[in-house]
Amino acid sequence: MITSIIVWGSLFAAVAFTVVYLLSPRIRAQVEQPKHQFQRQLESFDNSAAQEPKRGQQ
């Protein structure tokens, strides 16, 4: 009985989240924001690493 409640509750939560994600641009932007922030950090790191001289070169 408890297993069924957990499974159905999880399925309901997943479906509810998917519907909200698809219908709400604000929620979608909030969920995707860490991905974009991480990408900006990687690009910043790559740009700073490209500007520094490599070891053994001057």
N, C-alpha and C. Protein backbone atom coordinates (compact mmCIF):
# COMPACT_ATOMS: atom_id res chain seq x y z
N MET A 1 0.82 -1.19 0.00
CA MET A 1 0.00 0.00 0.00
C MET A 1 0.86 1.26 0.00
N ILE A 2 1.83 1.34 0.92
CA ILE A 2 2.69 2.52 0.99
C ILE A 2 3.54 2.65 -0.27
N THR A 3 3.92 1.50 -0.83
CA THR A 3 4.70 1.53 -2.06
C THR A 3 3.90 2.15 -3.19
N SER A 4 2.65 1.82 -3.28
CA SER A 4 1.78 2.39 -4.31
C SER A 4 1.64 3.88 -4.14
N ILE A 5 1.51 4.33 -2.90
CA ILE A 5 1.39 5.77 -2.63
C ILE A 5 2.66 6.49 -3.06
N ILE A 6 3.81 5.92 -2.76
CA ILE A 6 5.09 6.54 -3.13
C ILE A 6 5.23 6.59 -4.64
N VAL A 7 4.93 5.50 -5.32
CA VAL A 7 5.07 5.44 -6.78
C VAL A 7 4.11 6.42 -7.45
N TRP A 8 2.83 6.38 -7.08
CA TRP A 8 1.86 7.28 -7.70
C TRP A 8 2.13 8.74 -7.35
N GLY A 9 2.57 8.98 -6.13
CA GLY A 9 2.92 10.35 -5.75
C GLY A 9 4.10 10.88 -6.55
N SER A 10 5.10 10.02 -6.76
CA SER A 10 6.26 10.41 -7.55
C SER A 10 5.88 10.66 -9.01
N LEU A 11 5.04 9.80 -9.56
CA LEU A 11 4.59 9.99 -10.94
C LEU A 11 3.78 11.28 -11.08
N PHE A 12 2.90 11.54 -10.12
CA PHE A 12 2.12 12.77 -10.15
C PHE A 12 3.03 13.99 -10.08
N ALA A 13 4.01 13.97 -9.18
CA ALA A 13 4.93 15.10 -9.03
C ALA A 13 5.73 15.31 -10.32
N ALA A 14 6.18 14.24 -10.95
CA ALA A 14 6.94 14.35 -12.19
C ALA A 14 6.09 14.94 -13.31
N VAL A 15 4.86 14.48 -13.43
CA VAL A 15 3.96 15.01 -14.47
C VAL A 15 3.63 16.47 -14.19
N ALA A 16 3.36 16.80 -12.93
CA ALA A 16 3.05 18.19 -12.57
C ALA A 16 4.24 19.10 -12.89
N PHE A 17 5.45 18.67 -12.53
CA PHE A 17 6.63 19.48 -12.82
C PHE A 17 6.82 19.65 -14.32
N THR A 18 6.63 18.60 -15.08
CA THR A 18 6.79 18.67 -16.54
C THR A 18 5.79 19.64 -17.15
N VAL A 19 4.56 19.60 -16.71
CA VAL A 19 3.54 20.51 -17.24
C VAL A 19 3.89 21.96 -16.89
N VAL A 20 4.27 22.21 -15.64
CA VAL A 20 4.64 23.57 -15.24
C VAL A 20 5.86 24.03 -16.02
N TYR A 21 6.83 23.16 -16.19
CA TYR A 21 8.06 23.50 -16.93
C TYR A 21 7.74 23.89 -18.38
N LEU A 22 6.85 23.15 -19.00
CA LEU A 22 6.51 23.41 -20.40
C LEU A 22 5.65 24.66 -20.57
N LEU A 23 4.82 24.98 -19.60
CA LEU A 23 3.87 26.07 -19.75
C LEU A 23 4.35 27.40 -19.17
N SER A 24 5.37 27.41 -18.34
CA SER A 24 5.79 28.63 -17.67
C SER A 24 7.21 29.01 -18.07
N PRO A 25 7.36 30.04 -18.89
CA PRO A 25 8.71 30.48 -19.27
C PRO A 25 9.53 30.95 -18.07
N ARG A 26 8.88 31.54 -17.07
CA ARG A 26 9.61 32.02 -15.89
C ARG A 26 10.23 30.86 -15.12
N ILE A 27 9.47 29.80 -14.92
CA ILE A 27 9.99 28.62 -14.22
C ILE A 27 11.09 27.97 -15.05
N ARG A 28 10.89 27.89 -16.37
CA ARG A 28 11.90 27.28 -17.24
C ARG A 28 13.21 28.05 -17.15
N ALA A 29 13.14 29.38 -17.15
CA ALA A 29 14.34 30.21 -17.06
C ALA A 29 15.03 30.00 -15.71
N GLN A 30 14.25 29.86 -14.66
CA GLN A 30 14.82 29.65 -13.33
C GLN A 30 15.51 28.29 -13.24
N VAL A 31 14.93 27.28 -13.84
CA VAL A 31 15.52 25.93 -13.81
C VAL A 31 16.79 25.89 -14.66
N GLU A 32 16.79 26.58 -15.79
CA GLU A 32 17.93 26.54 -16.71
C GLU A 32 19.05 27.50 -16.32
N GLN A 33 18.81 28.43 -15.40
CA GLN A 33 19.77 29.45 -15.04
C GLN A 33 21.13 28.89 -14.59
N PRO A 34 21.20 27.88 -13.73
CA PRO A 34 22.52 27.36 -13.33
C PRO A 34 23.35 26.84 -14.50
N LYS A 35 22.69 26.27 -15.50
CA LYS A 35 23.41 25.77 -16.67
C LYS A 35 24.08 26.93 -17.41
N HIS A 36 23.34 28.02 -17.58
CA HIS A 36 23.89 29.17 -18.30
C HIS A 36 24.99 29.86 -17.49
N GLN A 37 24.81 29.93 -16.18
CA GLN A 37 25.83 30.52 -15.32
C GLN A 37 27.12 29.70 -15.40
N PHE A 38 27.01 28.39 -15.36
CA PHE A 38 28.18 27.53 -15.46
C PHE A 38 28.87 27.71 -16.82
N GLN A 39 28.09 27.82 -17.88
CA GLN A 39 28.67 28.02 -19.21
C GLN A 39 29.44 29.34 -19.28
N ARG A 40 28.89 30.40 -18.68
CA ARG A 40 29.60 31.69 -18.66
C ARG A 40 30.91 31.57 -17.89
N GLN A 41 30.89 30.85 -16.78
CA GLN A 41 32.11 30.66 -16.00
C GLN A 41 33.16 29.89 -16.79
N LEU A 42 32.74 28.86 -17.52
CA LEU A 42 33.69 28.10 -18.34
C LEU A 42 34.30 28.98 -19.43
N GLU A 43 33.47 29.78 -20.09
CA GLU A 43 33.97 30.68 -21.13
C GLU A 43 34.94 31.70 -20.56
N SER A 44 34.64 32.22 -19.38
CA SER A 44 35.53 33.18 -18.73
C SER A 44 36.86 32.53 -18.39
N PHE A 45 36.81 31.31 -17.88
CA PHE A 45 38.04 30.59 -17.56
C PHE A 45 38.85 30.32 -18.82
N ASP A 46 38.20 29.87 -19.88
CA ASP A 46 38.90 29.59 -21.13
C ASP A 46 39.54 30.86 -21.69
N ASN A 47 38.83 31.97 -21.63
CA ASN A 47 39.38 33.22 -22.14
C ASN A 47 40.58 33.69 -21.32
N SER A 48 40.50 33.57 -20.01
CA SER A 48 41.62 33.99 -19.17
C SER A 48 42.81 33.05 -19.35
N ALA A 49 42.57 31.76 -19.53
CA ALA A 49 43.66 30.82 -19.74
C ALA A 49 44.33 31.04 -21.10
N ALA A 50 43.57 31.45 -22.09
CA ALA A 50 44.13 31.68 -23.42
C ALA A 50 45.00 32.93 -23.45
N GLN A 51 44.74 33.87 -22.56
CA GLN A 51 45.49 35.12 -22.54
C GLN A 51 46.81 35.01 -21.78
N GLU A 52 46.91 34.03 -20.88
CA GLU A 52 48.14 33.86 -20.11
C GLU A 52 49.19 33.13 -20.96
N PRO A 53 50.45 33.54 -20.84
CA PRO A 53 51.49 32.82 -21.58
C PRO A 53 51.66 31.42 -21.02
N LYS A 54 51.94 30.48 -21.88
CA LYS A 54 52.15 29.11 -21.46
C LYS A 54 53.54 28.96 -20.84
N ARG A 55 53.72 27.94 -20.03
CA ARG A 55 55.02 27.71 -19.41
C ARG A 55 56.09 27.47 -20.47
N GLY A 56 57.22 28.08 -20.26
CA GLY A 56 58.32 27.91 -21.19
C GLY A 56 58.27 28.90 -22.35
N GLN A 57 57.19 29.65 -22.46
CA GLN A 57 57.07 30.66 -23.50
C GLN A 57 57.03 32.03 -22.85
N GLN A 58 57.54 33.01 -23.58
CA GLN A 58 57.52 34.36 -23.04
C GLN A 58 56.97 35.33 -24.01
